[in-house]
C-alpha atoms as a PDB file:
ATOM      1  CA  MET A   1       3.341 -25.865  -2.191  1.00  0.00           C
ATOM      2  CA  THR A   2       6.212 -24.255  -0.246  1.00  0.00           C
ATOM      3  CA  ALA A   3       7.095 -20.729  -1.275  1.00  0.00           C
ATOM      4  CA  SER A   4      10.631 -20.107  -2.506  1.00  0.00           C
ATOM      5  CA  PRO A   5      13.048 -18.110  -0.325  1.00  0.00           C
ATOM      6  CA  GLU A   6      12.908 -15.314  -2.913  1.00  0.00           C
ATOM      7  CA  ALA A   7       9.099 -15.164  -2.744  1.00  0.00           C
ATOM      8  CA  VAL A   8       9.202 -15.132   1.065  1.00  0.00           C
ATOM      9  CA  ALA A   9      11.784 -12.330   1.074  1.00  0.00           C
ATOM     10  CA  LEU A  10       9.690 -10.293  -1.357  1.00  0.00           C
ATOM     11  CA  SER A  11       6.450 -10.759   0.597  1.00  0.00           C
ATOM     12  CA  VAL A  12       8.148  -9.856   3.895  1.00  0.00           C
ATOM     13  CA  SER A  13       9.790  -6.739   2.451  1.00  0.00           C
ATOM     14  CA  MET A  14       6.506  -5.707   0.824  1.00  0.00           C
ATOM     15  CA  ALA A  15       4.696  -6.124   4.141  1.00  0.00           C
ATOM     16  CA  ALA A  16       7.366  -4.114   5.998  1.00  0.00           C
ATOM     17  CA  ALA A  17       7.006  -1.272   3.497  1.00  0.00           C
ATOM     18  CA  ALA A  18       3.212  -1.428   3.848  1.00  0.00           C
ATOM     19  CA  GLY A  19       3.435  -1.202   7.626  1.00  0.00           C
ATOM     20  CA  LEU A  20       5.672   1.875   7.547  1.00  0.00           C
ATOM     21  CA  VAL A  21       3.742   3.725   4.840  1.00  0.00           C
ATOM     22  CA  GLY A  22       0.468   2.840   6.522  1.00  0.00           C
ATOM     23  CA  CYS A  23       1.407   4.567   9.777  1.00  0.00           C
ATOM     24  CA  PHE A  24       1.618   7.936   8.067  1.00  0.00           C
ATOM     25  CA  ALA A  25      -1.472   7.212   5.983  1.00  0.00           C
ATOM     26  CA  VAL A  26      -3.411   6.646   9.219  1.00  0.00           C
ATOM     27  CA  MET A  27      -1.985   9.785  10.808  1.00  0.00           C
ATOM     28  CA  ARG A  28      -2.815  11.767   7.653  1.00  0.00           C
ATOM     29  CA  ARG A  29      -6.365  10.353   7.816  1.00  0.00           C
ATOM     30  CA  MET A  30      -5.996   8.717   4.407  1.00  0.00           C
ATOM     31  CA  THR A  31      -7.697   5.516   5.582  1.00  0.00           C
ATOM     32  CA  LEU A  32     -10.412   5.501   2.916  1.00  0.00           C
ATOM     33  CA  ALA A  33      -8.277   7.240   0.313  1.00  0.00           C
ATOM     34  CA  SER A  34      -5.722   4.420   0.465  1.00  0.00           C
ATOM     35  CA  ASP A  35      -8.164   1.954  -1.056  1.00  0.00           C
ATOM     36  CA  ALA A  36      -8.998   4.469  -3.759  1.00  0.00           C
ATOM     37  CA  ILE A  37      -5.330   4.878  -4.675  1.00  0.00           C
ATOM     38  CA  SER A  38      -5.029   1.098  -5.013  1.00  0.00           C
ATOM     39  CA  HIS A  39      -7.862   1.037  -7.542  1.00  0.00           C
ATOM     40  CA  VAL A  40      -6.011   3.478  -9.791  1.00  0.00           C
ATOM     41  CA  ALA A  41      -3.830   0.534 -10.873  1.00  0.00           C
ATOM     42  CA  LEU A  42      -6.780  -1.228 -12.523  1.00  0.00           C
ATOM     43  CA  PRO A  43      -6.806   0.559 -15.925  1.00  0.00           C
ATOM     44  CA  GLY A  44      -3.031   0.162 -16.177  1.00  0.00           C
ATOM     45  CA  ILE A  45      -3.427  -3.574 -15.625  1.00  0.00           C
ATOM     46  CA  GLY A  46      -6.133  -3.667 -18.301  1.00  0.00           C
ATOM     47  CA  VAL A  47      -3.955  -1.858 -20.842  1.00  0.00           C
ATOM     48  CA  ALA A  48      -0.972  -4.100 -20.036  1.00  0.00           C
ATOM     49  CA  ILE A  49      -3.078  -7.228 -20.575  1.00  0.00           C
ATOM     50  CA  ALA A  50      -4.396  -5.868 -23.881  1.00  0.00           C
ATOM     51  CA  PHE A  51      -0.851  -5.259 -25.137  1.00  0.00           C
ATOM     52  CA  HIS A  52       0.529  -8.514 -23.682  1.00  0.00           C
ATOM     53  CA  VAL A  53       2.727  -6.713 -21.147  1.00  0.00           C
ATOM     54  CA  HIS A  54       3.174  -7.927 -17.570  1.00  0.00           C
ATOM     55  CA  PRO A  55       0.102  -6.654 -15.638  1.00  0.00           C
ATOM     56  CA  VAL A  56       2.128  -5.461 -12.638  1.00  0.00           C
ATOM     57  CA  LEU A  57       4.185  -3.147 -14.860  1.00  0.00           C
ATOM     58  CA  GLY A  58       1.013  -1.581 -16.231  1.00  0.00           C
ATOM     59  CA  GLY A  59      -0.444  -1.265 -12.743  1.00  0.00           C
ATOM     60  CA  VAL A  60       2.656   0.421 -11.317  1.00  0.00           C
ATOM     61  CA  ALA A  61       2.892   2.824 -14.263  1.00  0.00           C
ATOM     62  CA  MET A  62      -0.749   3.836 -13.779  1.00  0.00           C
ATOM     63  CA  LEU A  63      -0.244   4.231 -10.034  1.00  0.00           C
ATOM     64  CA  PHE A  64       2.607   6.675 -10.593  1.00  0.00           C
ATOM     65  CA  LEU A  65       0.626   8.555 -13.246  1.00  0.00           C
ATOM     66  CA  GLY A  66      -2.430   8.705 -10.992  1.00  0.00           C
ATOM     67  CA  THR A  67      -0.313   9.883  -8.054  1.00  0.00           C
ATOM     68  CA  LEU A  68       1.184  12.724 -10.090  1.00  0.00           C
ATOM     69  CA  LEU A  69      -2.322  13.667 -11.245  1.00  0.00           C
ATOM     70  CA  VAL A  70      -3.680  13.646  -7.672  1.00  0.00           C
ATOM     71  CA  TRP A  71      -0.758  15.706  -6.379  1.00  0.00           C
ATOM     72  CA  GLY A  72      -1.007  18.217  -9.222  1.00  0.00           C
ATOM     73  CA  LEU A  73      -4.767  18.678  -8.874  1.00  0.00           C
ATOM     74  CA  GLU A  74      -4.537  18.942  -5.094  1.00  0.00           C
ATOM     75  CA  HIS A  75      -1.984  21.747  -5.212  1.00  0.00           C
ATOM     76  CA  LYS A  76      -3.624  23.514  -8.140  1.00  0.00           C
ATOM     77  CA  THR A  77      -7.221  23.429  -6.895  1.00  0.00           C
ATOM     78  CA  ARG A  78      -6.516  23.373  -3.122  1.00  0.00           C
ATOM     79  CA  MET A  79      -9.075  20.581  -2.778  1.00  0.00           C
ATOM     80  CA  SER A  80      -8.478  17.961  -0.093  1.00  0.00           C
ATOM     81  CA  THR A  81      -6.435  14.890  -0.986  1.00  0.00           C
ATOM     82  CA  GLU A  82      -9.446  12.661  -0.308  1.00  0.00           C
ATOM     83  CA  THR A  83     -11.660  14.629  -2.724  1.00  0.00           C
ATOM     84  CA  VAL A  84      -9.161  14.548  -5.569  1.00  0.00           C
ATOM     85  CA  ILE A  85      -8.379  10.866  -5.013  1.00  0.00           C
ATOM     86  CA  GLY A  86     -12.104  10.091  -5.013  1.00  0.00           C
ATOM     87  CA  VAL A  87     -12.538  11.660  -8.464  1.00  0.00           C
ATOM     88  CA  VAL A  88      -9.456   9.970  -9.921  1.00  0.00           C
ATOM     89  CA  PHE A  89     -10.445   6.655  -8.318  1.00  0.00           C
ATOM     90  CA  SER A  90     -13.947   6.676  -9.809  1.00  0.00           C
ATOM     91  CA  THR A  91     -12.567   7.397 -13.260  1.00  0.00           C
ATOM     92  CA  ALA A  92      -9.867   4.731 -12.952  1.00  0.00           C
ATOM     93  CA  LEU A  93     -12.317   2.104 -11.732  1.00  0.00           C
ATOM     94  CA  ALA A  94     -14.658   2.739 -14.661  1.00  0.00           C
ATOM     95  CA  LEU A  95     -11.816   2.588 -17.192  1.00  0.00           C
ATOM     96  CA  GLY A  96     -10.392  -0.530 -15.577  1.00  0.00           C
ATOM     97  CA  ALA A  97     -13.716  -2.338 -15.740  1.00  0.00           C
ATOM     98  CA  LEU A  98     -13.892  -1.526 -19.461  1.00  0.00           C
ATOM     99  CA  LEU A  99     -10.347  -2.651 -20.231  1.00  0.00           C
ATOM    100  CA  ALA A 100     -10.198  -5.887 -18.228  1.00  0.00           C
ATOM    101  CA  SER A 101     -12.764  -8.652 -18.054  1.00  0.00           C
ATOM    102  CA  GLY A 102     -13.399 -12.178 -16.838  1.00  0.00           C
ATOM    103  CA  GLU A 103     -10.678 -14.088 -15.029  1.00  0.00           C
ATOM    104  CA  GLU A 104      -8.114 -11.378 -15.738  1.00  0.00           C
ATOM    105  CA  LEU A 105     -10.267  -8.865 -13.867  1.00  0.00           C
ATOM    106  CA  ILE A 106     -10.651 -11.216 -10.890  1.00  0.00           C
ATOM    107  CA  ASP A 107      -6.875 -11.724 -10.706  1.00  0.00           C
ATOM    108  CA  ALA A 108      -6.346  -7.968 -10.887  1.00  0.00           C
ATOM    109  CA  LEU A 109      -8.861  -7.327  -8.105  1.00  0.00           C
ATOM    110  CA  LEU A 110      -7.849 -10.101  -5.681  1.00  0.00           C
ATOM    111  CA  GLY A 111      -4.278 -10.931  -6.680  1.00  0.00           C
ATOM    112  CA  SER A 112      -2.717 -14.057  -8.123  1.00  0.00           C
ATOM    113  CA  PRO A 113       0.772 -14.792  -6.703  1.00  0.00           C
ATOM    114  CA  GLY A 114       1.733 -17.482  -9.224  1.00  0.00           C
ATOM    115  CA  GLN A 115       5.370 -18.041 -10.167  1.00  0.00           C
ATOM    116  CA  LEU A 116       7.589 -15.015  -9.651  1.00  0.00           C
ATOM    117  CA  GLY A 117      10.242 -14.183 -12.210  1.00  0.00           C
ATOM    118  CA  GLY A 118      13.759 -13.234 -11.202  1.00  0.00           C
ATOM    119  CA  TRP A 119      13.309  -9.666 -12.412  1.00  0.00           C
ATOM    120  CA  GLU A 120      10.103  -9.344 -10.367  1.00  0.00           C
ATOM    121  CA  VAL A 121      11.906 -10.388  -7.208  1.00  0.00           C
ATOM    122  CA  ALA A 122      14.860  -8.080  -7.877  1.00  0.00           C
ATOM    123  CA  LEU A 123      12.734  -5.035  -8.697  1.00  0.00           C
ATOM    124  CA  GLY A 124      10.346  -5.812  -5.833  1.00  0.00           C
ATOM    125  CA  LEU A 125      13.138  -6.012  -3.257  1.00  0.00           C
ATOM    126  CA  LEU A 126      14.705  -2.830  -4.616  1.00  0.00           C
ATOM    127  CA  GLY A 127      11.380  -1.006  -4.525  1.00  0.00           C
ATOM    128  CA  ALA A 128      10.604  -2.167  -0.980  1.00  0.00           C
ATOM    129  CA  ALA A 129      14.082  -1.107   0.176  1.00  0.00           C
ATOM    130  CA  ALA A 130      13.544   2.344  -1.369  1.00  0.00           C
ATOM    131  CA  VAL A 131      10.189   2.789   0.410  1.00  0.00           C
ATOM    132  CA  ILE A 132      11.543   1.595   3.759  1.00  0.00           C
ATOM    133  CA  ALA A 133      14.597   3.857   3.490  1.00  0.00           C
ATOM    134  CA  PHE A 134      12.452   6.866   2.572  1.00  0.00           C
ATOM    135  CA  VAL A 135      10.050   6.465   5.508  1.00  0.00           C
ATOM    136  CA  VAL A 136      12.793   5.745   8.043  1.00  0.00           C
ATOM    137  CA  LEU A 137      14.991   8.652   6.933  1.00  0.00           C
ATOM    138  CA  GLN A 138      12.167  11.150   6.469  1.00  0.00           C
ATOM    139  CA  ARG A 139       9.941  10.160   9.405  1.00  0.00           C
ATOM    140  CA  HIS A 140      10.697  13.279  11.452  1.00  0.00           C
ATOM    141  CA  ARG A 141      10.048  15.585   8.496  1.00  0.00           C
ATOM    142  CA  LEU A 142       6.842  13.743   7.703  1.00  0.00           C
ATOM    143  CA  VAL A 143       5.640  14.168  11.284  1.00  0.00           C
ATOM    144  CA  LEU A 144       6.556  17.870  11.348  1.00  0.00           C
ATOM    145  CA  ALA A 145       4.764  18.509   8.054  1.00  0.00           C
ATOM    146  CA  LEU A 146       1.760  16.633   9.418  1.00  0.00           C
ATOM    147  CA  VAL A 147       1.656  18.674  12.632  1.00  0.00           C
ATOM    148  CA  SER A 148       2.148  22.042  10.941  1.00  0.00           C
ATOM    149  CA  ALA A 149       3.006  22.743   7.329  1.00  0.00           C
ATOM    150  CA  ASP A 150       4.023  26.288   8.260  1.00  0.00           C
ATOM    151  CA  MET A 151       6.456  25.067  10.919  1.00  0.00           C
ATOM    152  CA  ALA A 152       7.887  22.593   8.427  1.00  0.00           C
ATOM    153  CA  ARG A 153       8.460  25.352   5.864  1.00  0.00           C
ATOM    154  CA  THR A 154      10.103  27.509   8.524  1.00  0.00           C
ATOM    155  CA  ALA A 155      12.446  24.576   9.229  1.00  0.00           C
ATOM    156  CA  GLY A 156      13.435  24.558   5.558  1.00  0.00           C
ATOM    157  CA  ILE A 157      11.309  21.602   4.442  1.00  0.00           C
ATOM    158  CA  ASP A 158       9.787  21.670   0.969  1.00  0.00           C
ATOM    159  CA  VAL A 159       6.352  20.433   2.050  1.00  0.00           C
ATOM    160  CA  ALA A 160       4.953  20.064  -1.466  1.00  0.00           C
ATOM    161  CA  ARG A 161       7.939  17.984  -2.576  1.00  0.00           C
ATOM    162  CA  LEU A 162       7.818  15.862   0.584  1.00  0.00           C
ATOM    163  CA  ASP A 163       4.102  15.272   0.037  1.00  0.00           C
ATOM    164  CA  LEU A 164       4.751  14.141  -3.539  1.00  0.00           C
ATOM    165  CA  LEU A 165       7.521  11.784  -2.448  1.00  0.00           C
ATOM    166  CA  TYR A 166       5.272  10.254   0.199  1.00  0.00           C
ATOM    167  CA  LEU A 167       2.441   9.719  -2.289  1.00  0.00           C
ATOM    168  CA  LEU A 168       4.901   8.113  -4.720  1.00  0.00           C
ATOM    169  CA  ALA A 169       6.174   5.841  -1.935  1.00  0.00           C
ATOM    170  CA  PHE A 170       2.563   4.931  -1.181  1.00  0.00           C
ATOM    171  CA  ALA A 171       1.907   4.163  -4.855  1.00  0.00           C
ATOM    172  CA  LEU A 172       5.062   2.048  -5.098  1.00  0.00           C
ATOM    173  CA  THR A 173       4.016   0.106  -1.995  1.00  0.00           C
ATOM    174  CA  VAL A 174       0.652  -0.638  -3.572  1.00  0.00           C
ATOM    175  CA  GLY A 175       2.433  -1.777  -6.717  1.00  0.00           C
ATOM    176  CA  LEU A 176       4.627  -4.143  -4.695  1.00  0.00           C
ATOM    177  CA  GLY A 177       1.549  -5.943  -3.392  1.00  0.00           C
ATOM    178  CA  LEU A 178      -0.499  -6.200  -6.578  1.00  0.00           C
ATOM    179  CA  ARG A 179       0.538  -9.803  -7.259  1.00  0.00           C
ATOM    180  CA  TYR A 180      -0.294 -10.924  -3.712  1.00  0.00           C
ATOM    181  CA  LEU A 181      -3.390  -8.914  -2.839  1.00  0.00           C
ATOM    182  CA  GLY A 182      -4.696  -7.191  -5.952  1.00  0.00           C
ATOM    183  CA  VAL A 183      -6.132  -3.686  -6.173  1.00  0.00           C
ATOM    184  CA  LEU A 184      -9.010  -4.450  -3.807  1.00  0.00           C
ATOM    185  CA  LEU A 185      -7.000  -5.704  -0.856  1.00  0.00           C
ATOM    186  CA  MET A 186      -3.550  -4.063  -0.945  1.00  0.00           C
ATOM    187  CA  GLY A 187      -4.865  -0.873   0.627  1.00  0.00           C
ATOM    188  CA  SER A 188      -6.155  -2.980   3.515  1.00  0.00           C
ATOM    189  CA  LEU A 189      -2.685  -4.346   4.304  1.00  0.00           C
ATOM    190  CA  ILE A 190      -1.382  -0.785   4.386  1.00  0.00           C
ATOM    191  CA  ILE A 191      -4.118   0.469   6.716  1.00  0.00           C
ATOM    192  CA  ILE A 192      -5.135  -2.370   9.086  1.00  0.00           C
ATOM    193  CA  PRO A 193      -1.737  -3.114  10.721  1.00  0.00           C
ATOM    194  CA  ALA A 194      -1.079   0.631  11.021  1.00  0.00           C
ATOM    195  CA  ALA A 195      -4.489   1.211  12.619  1.00  0.00           C
ATOM    196  CA  THR A 196      -3.793  -1.613  15.082  1.00  0.00           C
ATOM    197  CA  ALA A 197      -0.387  -0.144  15.882  1.00  0.00           C
ATOM    198  CA  LYS A 198      -1.871   3.318  16.415  1.00  0.00           C
ATOM    199  CA  TYR A 199      -4.231   1.853  19.000  1.00  0.00           C
ATOM    200  CA  LEU A 200      -1.496  -0.052  20.828  1.00  0.00           C
ATOM    201  CA  ALA A 201       1.472   2.323  20.637  1.00  0.00           C
ATOM    202  CA  ARG A 202       2.172   5.463  22.639  1.00  0.00           C
ATOM    203  CA  ARG A 203       5.107   6.790  20.591  1.00  0.00           C
ATOM    204  CA  LEU A 204       5.958   6.904  16.900  1.00  0.00           C
ATOM    205  CA  PRO A 205       8.860   4.385  17.040  1.00  0.00           C
ATOM    206  CA  GLU A 206       6.554   1.900  18.780  1.00  0.00           C
ATOM    207  CA  MET A 207       3.852   2.484  16.202  1.00  0.00           C
ATOM    208  CA  LEU A 208       6.235   1.928  13.299  1.00  0.00           C
ATOM    209  CA  GLY A 209       7.666  -1.242  14.856  1.00  0.00           C
ATOM    210  CA  ILE A 210       4.268  -2.731  15.726  1.00  0.00           C
ATOM    211  CA  ALA A 211       2.843  -1.924  12.281  1.00  0.00           C
ATOM    212  CA  VAL A 212       5.767  -3.604  10.514  1.00  0.00           C
ATOM    213  CA  GLY A 213       5.578  -6.633  12.795  1.00  0.00           C
ATOM    214  CA  LEU A 214       1.837  -7.068  12.301  1.00  0.00           C
ATOM    215  CA  ALA A 215       2.012  -6.579   8.525  1.00  0.00           C
ATOM    216  CA  VAL A 216       4.795  -9.143   8.206  1.00  0.00           C
ATOM    217  CA  ALA A 217       3.075 -11.600  10.563  1.00  0.00           C
ATOM    218  CA  SER A 218      -0.227 -11.238   8.700  1.00  0.00           C
ATOM    219  CA  THR A 219       1.469 -11.860   5.359  1.00  0.00           C
ATOM    220  CA  VAL A 220       3.537 -14.866   6.440  1.00  0.00           C
ATOM    221  CA  LEU A 221       0.782 -16.484   8.493  1.00  0.00           C
ATOM    222  CA  GLY A 222      -1.864 -15.707   5.874  1.00  0.00           C
ATOM    223  CA  ASP A 223       0.256 -17.194   3.106  1.00  0.00           C
ATOM    224  CA  ALA A 224       0.798 -20.385   5.126  1.00  0.00           C
ATOM    225  CA  LEU A 225      -2.894 -20.699   6.011  1.00  0.00           C
ATOM    226  CA  ALA A 226      -3.966 -20.072   2.427  1.00  0.00           C
ATOM    227  CA  ALA A 227      -1.696 -22.872   1.192  1.00  0.00           C
ATOM    228  CA  ARG A 228      -2.955 -25.230   3.880  1.00  0.00           C
ATOM    229  CA  LEU A 229      -6.631 -24.413   3.368  1.00  0.00           C
ATOM    230  CA  HIS A 230      -6.360 -24.141  -0.436  1.00  0.00           C
ATOM    231  CA  ARG A 231      -7.854 -20.661  -0.391  1.00  0.00           C
ATOM    232  CA  PRO A 232      -6.840 -17.455  -2.243  1.00  0.00           C
ATOM    233  CA  THR A 233      -3.834 -15.858  -0.575  1.00  0.00           C
ATOM    234  CA  GLY A 234      -4.956 -12.222  -0.518  1.00  0.00           C
ATOM    235  CA  PRO A 235      -8.255 -12.596   1.352  1.00  0.00           C
ATOM    236  CA  VAL A 236      -6.636 -14.865   3.952  1.00  0.00           C
ATOM    237  CA  ILE A 237      -3.830 -12.358   4.613  1.00  0.00           C
ATOM    238  CA  ILE A 238      -6.316  -9.536   5.169  1.00  0.00           C
ATOM    239  CA  THR A 239      -8.494 -11.764   7.373  1.00  0.00           C
ATOM    240  CA  VAL A 240      -5.478 -12.482   9.577  1.00  0.00           C
ATOM    241  CA  ALA A 241      -4.629  -8.757   9.741  1.00  0.00           C
ATOM    242  CA  ALA A 242      -8.230  -7.964  10.711  1.00  0.00           C
ATOM    243  CA  ALA A 243      -8.130 -10.658  13.392  1.00  0.00           C
ATOM    244  CA  PHE A 244      -5.046  -9.008  14.909  1.00  0.00           C
ATOM    245  CA  PHE A 245      -6.913  -5.690  14.922  1.00  0.00           C
ATOM    246  CA  PHE A 246      -9.986  -7.019  16.722  1.00  0.00           C
ATOM    247  CA  VAL A 247      -7.883  -8.947  19.225  1.00  0.00           C
ATOM    248  CA  SER A 248      -5.944  -5.746  19.983  1.00  0.00           C
ATOM    249  CA  LEU A 249      -9.213  -4.067  20.972  1.00  0.00           C
ATOM    250  CA  LEU A 250      -9.435  -6.455  23.914  1.00  0.00           C
ATOM    251  CA  ARG A 251      -6.453  -4.693  25.468  1.00  0.00           C
ATOM    252  CA  ARG A 252      -7.341  -1.645  27.550  1.00  0.00           C
ATOM    253  CA  ARG A 253      -5.790   1.389  25.954  1.00  0.00           C
ATOM    254  CA  GLU A 254      -3.462   3.305  28.221  1.00  0.00           C
ATOM    255  CA  PRO A 255      -4.104   7.061  28.540  1.00  0.00           C
END
């Protein structure tokens, strides 16, 4: 079955947002934490299903709530982001397993594209545009805060606020991909193309461009292969992204 132009536009914009957000996740060493953040959506999906609300809405709401909780605990306790996310993730995964079951749980974990409603496409495109605009406009501030929080503060940057906005952009990106990849695999689309780009690129603009290109290519090619092979879309997309990563390792890295 051929995807509609709206579905293609949404998947491409989602992948572009994932590529951009993933670059800073890799540089912030949030590789493992990204998967944990994705799992925070699970209890929200379970609650939404129980109350007959669209699962993606419940997942996105829980992602934002979990992000605010992670950010608040991190700045209050001074624990590392990875530690706080690990605690929140474990709790969310347990609650999600209790609230969702059977086929609904499988769809939540691995994604189930199905038929997209007009409002889903509109909100998805708007959300992806917001994430892309944020990363592109704030990329220099994000890099400066990453290199030295003190230097960033001296330059007049509110590091805590910038950190919160980035985490919210990350959560929104995960929410954009829930229908396609589910909570298990969306974090992989954010990280794998960015990790490949980090290996290949020498400068930040190159890294951002390569990550976006690989994320989009993995999504489009994976979607086409999944339809042709009659396999679930999400796992095929991530397999394609992983293939790009391993092929990139064949290239000698320039010093």
